[in-house]
């Protein structure tokens, strides 16, 4: 897969919740709302199952809701996963 999300990938990210997640960042690599965010890692593929790794953060129960805060969480979180042992990619 390329560095950016394909339309199907963006749809996959949005399908992880029943609530609308309409805001995007990183050319569609991240989708987020005021209380949840999802991202797609670059180069992280599970070698055994040949599946790409996605990230997600949901702030259930929080009374504070801010889309920009969710964006500020998902971007570095996804990048940290890319450098972790969870990422089997190069």
C-alpha atoms as a PDB file:
ATOM      1  CA  UNK A   1       0.000   0.000   0.000  1.00  0.00           C
ATOM      2  CA  UNK A   2       1.086   3.537  -0.563  1.00  0.00           C
ATOM      3  CA  UNK A   3       1.767   6.209   2.009  1.00  0.00           C
ATOM      4  CA  UNK A   4      -1.734   7.674   1.758  1.00  0.00           C
ATOM      5  CA  UNK A   5      -5.063   6.053   2.423  1.00  0.00           C
ATOM      6  CA  UNK A   6      -7.035   4.802  -0.487  1.00  0.00           C
ATOM      7  CA  UNK A   7     -10.762   5.506  -0.452  1.00  0.00           C
ATOM      8  CA  UNK A   8     -11.447   1.970   0.771  1.00  0.00           C
ATOM      9  CA  UNK A   9      -8.995   2.453   3.654  1.00  0.00           C
ATOM     10  CA  UNK A  10     -10.634   5.701   4.702  1.00  0.00           C
ATOM     11  CA  UNK A  11     -13.959   3.904   4.608  1.00  0.00           C
ATOM     12  CA  UNK A  12     -12.494   1.140   6.752  1.00  0.00           C
ATOM     13  CA  UNK A  13     -11.364   3.656   9.354  1.00  0.00           C
ATOM     14  CA  UNK A  14     -14.808   5.248   9.454  1.00  0.00           C
ATOM     15  CA  UNK A  15     -16.461   1.835   9.766  1.00  0.00           C
ATOM     16  CA  UNK A  16     -14.879   1.283  13.184  1.00  0.00           C
ATOM     17  CA  UNK A  17     -17.691   3.264  14.793  1.00  0.00           C
ATOM     18  CA  UNK A  18     -21.369   3.892  14.249  1.00  0.00           C
ATOM     19  CA  UNK A  19     -20.901   7.612  14.927  1.00  0.00           C
ATOM     20  CA  UNK A  20     -19.861  10.024  12.170  1.00  0.00           C
ATOM     21  CA  UNK A  21     -16.115  10.633  11.898  1.00  0.00           C
ATOM     22  CA  UNK A  22     -15.857  13.245   9.177  1.00  0.00           C
ATOM     23  CA  UNK A  23     -12.665  15.230   9.751  1.00  0.00           C
ATOM     24  CA  UNK A  24      -9.473  14.081   8.061  1.00  0.00           C
ATOM     25  CA  UNK A  25      -5.771  14.856   8.231  1.00  0.00           C
ATOM     26  CA  UNK A  26      -2.622  13.612   6.552  1.00  0.00           C
ATOM     27  CA  UNK A  27      -4.224  13.255   3.114  1.00  0.00           C
ATOM     28  CA  UNK A  28      -6.890  11.020   4.633  1.00  0.00           C
ATOM     29  CA  UNK A  29      -4.492   8.881   6.666  1.00  0.00           C
ATOM     30  CA  UNK A  30      -6.269   9.983   9.853  1.00  0.00           C
ATOM     31  CA  UNK A  31      -9.981  10.437  10.497  1.00  0.00           C
ATOM     32  CA  UNK A  32     -11.299  11.961  13.706  1.00  0.00           C
ATOM     33  CA  UNK A  33     -14.202  13.574  15.518  1.00  0.00           C
ATOM     34  CA  UNK A  34     -14.592  15.327  18.831  1.00  0.00           C
ATOM     35  CA  UNK A  35     -14.168  12.116  20.852  1.00  0.00           C
ATOM     36  CA  UNK A  36     -12.550   9.470  18.611  1.00  0.00           C
ATOM     37  CA  UNK A  37      -9.793   9.116  16.044  1.00  0.00           C
ATOM     38  CA  UNK A  38      -8.408   6.422  13.768  1.00  0.00           C
ATOM     39  CA  UNK A  39      -5.209   6.195  11.763  1.00  0.00           C
ATOM     40  CA  UNK A  40      -3.363   3.964   9.342  1.00  0.00           C
ATOM     41  CA  UNK A  41       0.260   3.097   9.949  1.00  0.00           C
ATOM     42  CA  UNK A  42       2.833   3.199   7.167  1.00  0.00           C
ATOM     43  CA  UNK A  43       4.770   0.041   6.495  1.00  0.00           C
ATOM     44  CA  UNK A  44       3.299  -1.950   9.397  1.00  0.00           C
ATOM     45  CA  UNK A  45       2.115  -5.327   8.196  1.00  0.00           C
ATOM     46  CA  UNK A  46       1.549  -8.400  10.329  1.00  0.00           C
ATOM     47  CA  UNK A  47       3.852 -10.919   8.679  1.00  0.00           C
ATOM     48  CA  UNK A  48       1.846 -13.953   9.765  1.00  0.00           C
ATOM     49  CA  UNK A  49      -1.549 -12.728   8.554  1.00  0.00           C
ATOM     50  CA  UNK A  50      -0.386 -10.167   5.951  1.00  0.00           C
ATOM     51  CA  UNK A  51      -2.671  -7.525   7.497  1.00  0.00           C
ATOM     52  CA  UNK A  52      -1.981  -3.806   7.764  1.00  0.00           C
ATOM     53  CA  UNK A  53      -2.011  -2.215  11.208  1.00  0.00           C
ATOM     54  CA  UNK A  54      -4.456   0.572  12.072  1.00  0.00           C
ATOM     55  CA  UNK A  55      -4.732   2.637  15.262  1.00  0.00           C
ATOM     56  CA  UNK A  56      -7.703   3.975  17.155  1.00  0.00           C
ATOM     57  CA  UNK A  57      -8.442   6.127  20.183  1.00  0.00           C
ATOM     58  CA  UNK A  58     -11.907   6.587  21.629  1.00  0.00           C
ATOM     59  CA  UNK A  59     -12.631   8.761  24.668  1.00  0.00           C
ATOM     60  CA  UNK A  60     -15.873   7.219  25.922  1.00  0.00           C
ATOM     61  CA  UNK A  61     -17.340   8.851  28.991  1.00  0.00           C
ATOM     62  CA  UNK A  62     -15.356  12.055  28.730  1.00  0.00           C
ATOM     63  CA  UNK A  63     -17.395  15.205  29.048  1.00  0.00           C
ATOM     64  CA  UNK A  64     -14.653  17.170  27.284  1.00  0.00           C
ATOM     65  CA  UNK A  65     -14.850  16.742  23.517  1.00  0.00           C
ATOM     66  CA  UNK A  66     -12.494  18.428  21.100  1.00  0.00           C
ATOM     67  CA  UNK A  67     -11.717  17.271  17.578  1.00  0.00           C
ATOM     68  CA  UNK A  68      -8.355  19.061  17.381  1.00  0.00           C
ATOM     69  CA  UNK A  69      -7.253  17.359  20.615  1.00  0.00           C
ATOM     70  CA  UNK A  70      -8.135  13.967  19.129  1.00  0.00           C
ATOM     71  CA  UNK A  71      -6.089  14.825  16.045  1.00  0.00           C
ATOM     72  CA  UNK A  72      -3.148  15.808  18.268  1.00  0.00           C
ATOM     73  CA  UNK A  73      -3.431  12.388  19.950  1.00  0.00           C
ATOM     74  CA  UNK A  74      -3.861  10.084  16.940  1.00  0.00           C
ATOM     75  CA  UNK A  75      -1.026  11.437  14.792  1.00  0.00           C
ATOM     76  CA  UNK A  76       1.856  10.915  17.274  1.00  0.00           C
ATOM     77  CA  UNK A  77       0.248   7.729  18.602  1.00  0.00           C
ATOM     78  CA  UNK A  78       0.195   6.208  15.114  1.00  0.00           C
ATOM     79  CA  UNK A  79       3.783   7.292  14.480  1.00  0.00           C
ATOM     80  CA  UNK A  80       4.854   5.733  17.801  1.00  0.00           C
ATOM     81  CA  UNK A  81       3.195   2.450  16.841  1.00  0.00           C
ATOM     82  CA  UNK A  82       5.161   2.527  13.567  1.00  0.00           C
ATOM     83  CA  UNK A  83       8.425   2.482  15.522  1.00  0.00           C
ATOM     84  CA  UNK A  84       7.289  -0.083  18.087  1.00  0.00           C
ATOM     85  CA  UNK A  85       7.610  -3.855  18.224  1.00  0.00           C
ATOM     86  CA  UNK A  86       3.964  -4.036  17.089  1.00  0.00           C
ATOM     87  CA  UNK A  87       5.143  -3.019  13.621  1.00  0.00           C
ATOM     88  CA  UNK A  88       6.703  -5.879  11.670  1.00  0.00           C
ATOM     89  CA  UNK A  89       7.396  -3.649   8.682  1.00  0.00           C
ATOM     90  CA  UNK A  90      10.751  -2.276   7.544  1.00  0.00           C
END
